[in-house]
Amino acid sequence: MQAHITAQDDDMWYVITDGPMKILKVNTAIAISGGEPQMVEKPRAEWSTEDKKKANLDNIAKDILYKTLDKNMFSNIKTCSTAKEIWEKLTQLCKGNDQNKENKLTVAIQKFDKAKMKP
């Protein structure tokens, strides 16, 4: 999944792991302190075409994730608002809690023990 998402755009995987990109600009109203300029969110009216593409990466990532899910999984994540939230919810659902992991291991061991070699 990571390779497919990264192939769409280099920054898209970061959108999934870190959250939607914030479009920032240097705050010229406040004096620079300590040599580092302070950044503030850029108003939407000032966005360039590149800024719009970066801001839309979250929507594209959500679309890719939605298309890969069946109806049962989709019902679990339909309330999530960002690709990061969707990814975290899917990770949580697929990993399960310790009890689920123990149950899966027990079932696998039982199946292995019941396996018999044919003559």
N, C-alpha and C. Protein backbone atom coordinates (compact mmCIF):
# COMPACT_ATOMS: atom_id res chain seq x y z
N MET A 1 0.82 -1.19 0.00
CA MET A 1 0.00 0.00 0.00
C MET A 1 0.87 1.25 0.00
N GLN A 2 1.92 1.25 0.80
CA GLN A 2 2.78 2.41 0.88
C GLN A 2 3.40 2.73 -0.48
N ALA A 3 3.83 1.71 -1.19
CA ALA A 3 4.45 1.94 -2.50
C ALA A 3 3.44 2.55 -3.48
N HIS A 4 2.22 2.04 -3.46
CA HIS A 4 1.20 2.57 -4.37
C HIS A 4 0.88 4.03 -4.06
N ILE A 5 0.73 4.34 -2.79
CA ILE A 5 0.40 5.72 -2.40
C ILE A 5 1.55 6.66 -2.69
N THR A 6 2.76 6.24 -2.41
CA THR A 6 3.93 7.08 -2.67
C THR A 6 4.13 7.29 -4.16
N ALA A 7 3.75 6.30 -4.97
CA ALA A 7 3.88 6.43 -6.42
C ALA A 7 2.95 7.51 -6.96
N GLN A 8 1.86 7.77 -6.28
CA GLN A 8 0.93 8.82 -6.72
C GLN A 8 1.55 10.21 -6.51
N ASP A 9 2.20 10.39 -5.37
CA ASP A 9 2.87 11.65 -5.05
C ASP A 9 3.85 11.38 -3.92
N ASP A 10 5.02 11.99 -3.99
CA ASP A 10 6.05 11.75 -2.97
C ASP A 10 5.60 12.12 -1.56
N ASP A 11 4.76 13.13 -1.44
CA ASP A 11 4.33 13.61 -0.13
C ASP A 11 3.08 12.91 0.40
N MET A 12 2.44 12.07 -0.42
CA MET A 12 1.16 11.50 0.00
C MET A 12 1.30 10.56 1.20
N TRP A 13 2.38 9.80 1.28
CA TRP A 13 2.53 8.90 2.43
C TRP A 13 2.66 9.71 3.72
N TYR A 14 3.32 10.89 3.64
CA TYR A 14 3.44 11.75 4.81
C TYR A 14 2.08 12.30 5.23
N VAL A 15 1.20 12.52 4.27
CA VAL A 15 -0.16 12.97 4.58
C VAL A 15 -0.88 11.89 5.38
N ILE A 16 -0.66 10.63 5.03
CA ILE A 16 -1.31 9.53 5.73
C ILE A 16 -0.72 9.33 7.12
N THR A 17 0.58 9.45 7.25
CA THR A 17 1.20 9.21 8.56
C THR A 17 1.22 10.44 9.46
N ASP A 18 1.26 11.64 8.89
CA ASP A 18 1.39 12.85 9.70
C ASP A 18 0.15 13.74 9.70
N GLY A 19 -0.76 13.54 8.77
CA GLY A 19 -1.96 14.36 8.68
C GLY A 19 -1.90 15.30 7.49
N PRO A 20 -3.01 16.00 7.23
CA PRO A 20 -3.07 16.89 6.07
C PRO A 20 -1.99 17.96 6.12
N MET A 21 -1.52 18.34 4.93
CA MET A 21 -0.47 19.36 4.84
C MET A 21 -1.07 20.73 5.14
N LYS A 22 -0.32 21.50 5.89
CA LYS A 22 -0.72 22.88 6.17
C LYS A 22 0.08 23.77 5.23
N ILE A 23 -0.61 24.67 4.59
CA ILE A 23 0.03 25.60 3.67
C ILE A 23 0.43 26.83 4.49
N LEU A 24 1.73 27.05 4.61
CA LEU A 24 2.26 28.10 5.48
C LEU A 24 3.00 29.17 4.70
N LYS A 25 3.15 30.32 5.35
CA LYS A 25 3.96 31.40 4.80
C LYS A 25 4.65 32.09 5.96
N VAL A 26 5.66 32.88 5.66
CA VAL A 26 6.39 33.62 6.68
C VAL A 26 5.52 34.76 7.19
N ASN A 27 5.46 34.89 8.52
CA ASN A 27 4.70 35.97 9.13
C ASN A 27 5.55 37.22 9.10
N THR A 28 5.20 38.15 8.24
CA THR A 28 5.98 39.39 8.11
C THR A 28 5.57 40.44 9.15
N ALA A 29 4.47 40.25 9.84
CA ALA A 29 4.00 41.22 10.82
C ALA A 29 4.81 41.16 12.12
N ILE A 30 5.42 40.01 12.41
CA ILE A 30 6.18 39.85 13.64
C ILE A 30 7.66 39.84 13.30
N ALA A 31 8.44 40.55 14.08
CA ALA A 31 9.89 40.60 13.86
C ALA A 31 10.49 39.22 14.05
N ILE A 32 11.52 38.93 13.28
CA ILE A 32 12.21 37.64 13.36
C ILE A 32 13.02 37.61 14.65
N SER A 33 12.79 36.57 15.45
CA SER A 33 13.52 36.44 16.71
C SER A 33 14.38 35.20 16.66
N GLY A 34 15.62 35.33 17.02
CA GLY A 34 16.53 34.20 17.05
C GLY A 34 16.92 33.70 15.67
N GLY A 35 16.72 34.48 14.64
CA GLY A 35 17.12 34.09 13.30
C GLY A 35 16.14 33.16 12.58
N GLU A 36 15.11 32.70 13.27
CA GLU A 36 14.14 31.79 12.64
C GLU A 36 12.84 32.55 12.37
N PRO A 37 12.38 32.55 11.12
CA PRO A 37 11.12 33.23 10.84
C PRO A 37 9.93 32.45 11.39
N GLN A 38 8.92 33.16 11.83
CA GLN A 38 7.71 32.51 12.33
C GLN A 38 6.79 32.25 11.15
N MET A 39 6.20 31.05 11.13
CA MET A 39 5.32 30.66 10.04
C MET A 39 3.87 30.73 10.50
N VAL A 40 3.01 31.18 9.60
CA VAL A 40 1.57 31.22 9.84
C VAL A 40 0.87 30.57 8.65
N GLU A 41 -0.37 30.15 8.87
CA GLU A 41 -1.12 29.52 7.80
C GLU A 41 -1.45 30.55 6.72
N LYS A 42 -1.24 30.14 5.48
CA LYS A 42 -1.48 31.02 4.35
C LYS A 42 -2.98 31.05 4.03
N PRO A 43 -3.56 32.23 3.83
CA PRO A 43 -4.98 32.29 3.47
C PRO A 43 -5.23 31.60 2.13
N ARG A 44 -6.38 30.97 2.00
CA ARG A 44 -6.71 30.22 0.79
C ARG A 44 -6.65 31.10 -0.46
N ALA A 45 -6.98 32.36 -0.34
CA ALA A 45 -6.96 33.27 -1.48
C ALA A 45 -5.55 33.46 -2.05
N GLU A 46 -4.53 33.23 -1.21
CA GLU A 46 -3.15 33.42 -1.65
C GLU A 46 -2.49 32.12 -2.15
N TRP A 47 -3.21 31.03 -2.14
CA TRP A 47 -2.63 29.74 -2.53
C TRP A 47 -2.27 29.73 -4.01
N SER A 48 -1.11 29.18 -4.30
CA SER A 48 -0.70 28.96 -5.68
C SER A 48 -1.26 27.62 -6.15
N THR A 49 -1.07 27.31 -7.41
CA THR A 49 -1.51 26.01 -7.94
C THR A 49 -0.83 24.88 -7.21
N GLU A 50 0.44 25.03 -6.91
CA GLU A 50 1.18 24.00 -6.17
C GLU A 50 0.64 23.84 -4.75
N ASP A 51 0.29 24.94 -4.12
CA ASP A 51 -0.30 24.88 -2.77
C ASP A 51 -1.62 24.11 -2.79
N LYS A 52 -2.44 24.36 -3.80
CA LYS A 52 -3.73 23.67 -3.93
C LYS A 52 -3.53 22.17 -4.11
N LYS A 53 -2.53 21.80 -4.90
CA LYS A 53 -2.24 20.37 -5.10
C LYS A 53 -1.81 19.72 -3.79
N LYS A 54 -0.97 20.39 -3.03
CA LYS A 54 -0.51 19.85 -1.75
C LYS A 54 -1.66 19.73 -0.75
N ALA A 55 -2.54 20.72 -0.72
CA ALA A 55 -3.68 20.69 0.20
C ALA A 55 -4.67 19.59 -0.18
N ASN A 56 -4.72 19.22 -1.46
CA ASN A 56 -5.67 18.21 -1.93
C ASN A 56 -5.15 16.79 -1.75
N LEU A 57 -3.91 16.61 -1.36
CA LEU A 57 -3.34 15.27 -1.20
C LEU A 57 -4.12 14.43 -0.20
N ASP A 58 -4.66 15.04 0.83
CA ASP A 58 -5.44 14.30 1.82
C ASP A 58 -6.69 13.70 1.16
N ASN A 59 -7.35 14.47 0.31
CA ASN A 59 -8.54 13.97 -0.38
C ASN A 59 -8.19 12.81 -1.32
N ILE A 60 -7.08 12.92 -2.00
CA ILE A 60 -6.66 11.86 -2.92
C ILE A 60 -6.32 10.60 -2.12
N ALA A 61 -5.62 10.76 -1.01
CA ALA A 61 -5.27 9.61 -0.16
C ALA A 61 -6.53 8.94 0.39
N LYS A 62 -7.51 9.74 0.84
CA LYS A 62 -8.76 9.16 1.33
C LYS A 62 -9.46 8.38 0.23
N ASP A 63 -9.46 8.92 -0.98
CA ASP A 63 -10.09 8.24 -2.11
C ASP A 63 -9.43 6.89 -2.39
N ILE A 64 -8.12 6.84 -2.36
CA ILE A 64 -7.40 5.58 -2.58
C ILE A 64 -7.75 4.57 -1.49
N LEU A 65 -7.75 5.02 -0.24
CA LEU A 65 -8.08 4.12 0.87
C LEU A 65 -9.52 3.63 0.77
N TYR A 66 -10.45 4.52 0.43
CA TYR A 66 -11.85 4.11 0.29
C TYR A 66 -12.01 3.03 -0.77
N LYS A 67 -11.31 3.19 -1.88
CA LYS A 67 -11.46 2.25 -3.00
C LYS A 67 -10.89 0.87 -2.69
N THR A 68 -10.04 0.76 -1.70
CA THR A 68 -9.44 -0.54 -1.38
C THR A 68 -10.22 -1.32 -0.34
N LEU A 69 -11.26 -0.72 0.22
CA LEU A 69 -11.98 -1.35 1.32
C LEU A 69 -13.28 -1.99 0.87
N ASP A 70 -13.65 -3.09 1.53
CA ASP A 70 -14.97 -3.67 1.29
C ASP A 70 -16.00 -2.94 2.15
N LYS A 71 -17.26 -3.29 2.00
CA LYS A 71 -18.34 -2.59 2.70
C LYS A 71 -18.21 -2.69 4.22
N ASN A 72 -17.78 -3.85 4.72
CA ASN A 72 -17.65 -4.02 6.17
C ASN A 72 -16.58 -3.10 6.75
N MET A 73 -15.43 -3.06 6.10
CA MET A 73 -14.35 -2.19 6.60
C MET A 73 -14.71 -0.72 6.42
N PHE A 74 -15.38 -0.41 5.31
CA PHE A 74 -15.75 0.98 5.06
C PHE A 74 -16.68 1.50 6.15
N SER A 75 -17.57 0.65 6.62
CA SER A 75 -18.50 1.08 7.67
C SER A 75 -17.76 1.43 8.96
N ASN A 76 -16.59 0.85 9.16
CA ASN A 76 -15.81 1.16 10.37
C ASN A 76 -15.09 2.50 10.29
N ILE A 77 -14.79 2.97 9.08
CA ILE A 77 -13.98 4.18 8.94
C ILE A 77 -14.73 5.36 8.33
N LYS A 78 -16.01 5.17 8.03
CA LYS A 78 -16.73 6.23 7.31
C LYS A 78 -16.84 7.53 8.08
N THR A 79 -16.67 7.52 9.39
CA THR A 79 -16.75 8.75 10.18
C THR A 79 -15.42 9.48 10.27
N CYS A 80 -14.34 8.88 9.80
CA CYS A 80 -13.02 9.51 9.87
C CYS A 80 -12.96 10.67 8.87
N SER A 81 -12.32 11.76 9.26
CA SER A 81 -12.30 12.96 8.41
C SER A 81 -10.99 13.15 7.65
N THR A 82 -9.92 12.48 8.05
CA THR A 82 -8.66 12.63 7.34
C THR A 82 -8.09 11.25 6.99
N ALA A 83 -7.17 11.24 6.04
CA ALA A 83 -6.52 9.99 5.65
C ALA A 83 -5.73 9.41 6.83
N LYS A 84 -5.16 10.27 7.66
CA LYS A 84 -4.42 9.80 8.83
C LYS A 84 -5.34 9.06 9.79
N GLU A 85 -6.52 9.63 10.05
CA GLU A 85 -7.49 8.97 10.94
C GLU A 85 -7.91 7.62 10.37
N ILE A 86 -8.15 7.57 9.06
CA ILE A 86 -8.54 6.32 8.41
C ILE A 86 -7.44 5.28 8.59
N TRP A 87 -6.19 5.68 8.33
CA TRP A 87 -5.06 4.75 8.42
C TRP A 87 -4.89 4.23 9.85
N GLU A 88 -5.00 5.12 10.83
CA GLU A 88 -4.87 4.71 12.23
C GLU A 88 -5.98 3.74 12.63
N LYS A 89 -7.20 4.02 12.17
CA LYS A 89 -8.34 3.14 12.48
C LYS A 89 -8.14 1.77 11.82
N LEU A 90 -7.70 1.75 10.56
CA LEU A 90 -7.46 0.49 9.87
C LEU A 90 -6.34 -0.31 10.54
N THR A 91 -5.31 0.38 10.95
CA THR A 91 -4.20 -0.28 11.64
C THR A 91 -4.70 -0.91 12.93
N GLN A 92 -5.50 -0.16 13.66
CA GLN A 92 -6.06 -0.66 14.92
C GLN A 92 -6.97 -1.87 14.67
N LEU A 93 -7.82 -1.78 13.66
CA LEU A 93 -8.75 -2.87 13.37
C LEU A 93 -8.03 -4.14 12.91
N CYS A 94 -6.99 -3.97 12.11
CA CYS A 94 -6.28 -5.13 11.57
C CYS A 94 -5.37 -5.78 12.59
N LYS A 95 -4.79 -4.99 13.46
CA LYS A 95 -3.92 -5.57 14.48
C LYS A 95 -4.73 -6.25 15.57
N GLY A 96 -5.82 -5.64 15.96
CA GLY A 96 -6.65 -6.20 17.02
C GLY A 96 -5.99 -6.01 18.38
N ASN A 97 -6.72 -6.38 19.41
CA ASN A 97 -6.17 -6.28 20.75
C ASN A 97 -5.46 -7.59 21.12
N ASP A 98 -4.89 -7.66 22.29
CA ASP A 98 -4.13 -8.84 22.70
C ASP A 98 -5.00 -10.09 22.75
N GLN A 99 -6.24 -9.95 23.15
CA GLN A 99 -7.14 -11.10 23.22
C GLN A 99 -7.40 -11.67 21.82
N ASN A 100 -7.62 -10.79 20.84
CA ASN A 100 -7.82 -11.25 19.46
C ASN A 100 -6.59 -11.96 18.92
N LYS A 101 -5.43 -11.41 19.21
CA LYS A 101 -4.19 -12.03 18.75
C LYS A 101 -4.03 -13.42 19.36
N GLU A 102 -4.34 -13.53 20.65
CA GLU A 102 -4.23 -14.82 21.34
C GLU A 102 -5.21 -15.84 20.74
N ASN A 103 -6.43 -15.38 20.44
CA ASN A 103 -7.42 -16.27 19.83
C ASN A 103 -6.98 -16.75 18.45
N LYS A 104 -6.44 -15.85 17.65
CA LYS A 104 -5.96 -16.23 16.32
C LYS A 104 -4.83 -17.24 16.41
N LEU A 105 -3.94 -17.04 17.34
CA LEU A 105 -2.82 -17.96 17.53
C LEU A 105 -3.32 -19.34 17.98
N THR A 106 -4.28 -19.36 18.89
CA THR A 106 -4.85 -20.62 19.37
C THR A 106 -5.51 -21.40 18.24
N VAL A 107 -6.28 -20.71 17.42
CA VAL A 107 -6.94 -21.36 16.28
C VAL A 107 -5.91 -21.91 15.30
N ALA A 108 -4.88 -21.15 15.04
CA ALA A 108 -3.84 -21.61 14.11
C ALA A 108 -3.12 -22.85 14.66
N ILE A 109 -2.85 -22.88 15.95
CA ILE A 109 -2.19 -24.04 16.56
C ILE A 109 -3.11 -25.26 16.50
N GLN A 110 -4.40 -25.06 16.76
CA GLN A 110 -5.35 -26.18 16.70
C GLN A 110 -5.44 -26.75 15.28
N LYS A 111 -5.46 -25.88 14.29
CA LYS A 111 -5.50 -26.35 12.89
C LYS A 111 -4.23 -27.12 12.56
N PHE A 112 -3.10 -26.64 13.04
CA PHE A 112 -1.84 -27.32 12.78
C PHE A 112 -1.83 -28.70 13.45
N ASP A 113 -2.31 -28.76 14.68
CA ASP A 113 -2.33 -30.04 15.40
C ASP A 113 -3.26 -31.05 14.75
N LYS A 114 -4.34 -30.60 14.14
CA LYS A 114 -5.30 -31.50 13.50
C LYS A 114 -4.83 -31.96 12.12
N ALA A 115 -3.86 -31.29 11.58
CA ALA A 115 -3.37 -31.67 10.24
C ALA A 115 -2.71 -33.04 10.32
N LYS A 116 -3.08 -33.90 9.39
CA LYS A 116 -2.52 -35.26 9.35
C LYS A 116 -1.97 -35.52 7.97
N MET A 117 -0.95 -36.30 7.95
CA MET A 117 -0.33 -36.66 6.68
C MET A 117 -1.12 -37.79 6.04
N LYS A 118 -1.37 -37.68 4.75
CA LYS A 118 -2.07 -38.75 4.04
C LYS A 118 -1.09 -39.87 3.74
N PRO A 119 -1.61 -41.10 3.73
CA PRO A 119 -0.70 -42.24 3.45
C PRO A 119 -0.16 -42.22 2.02
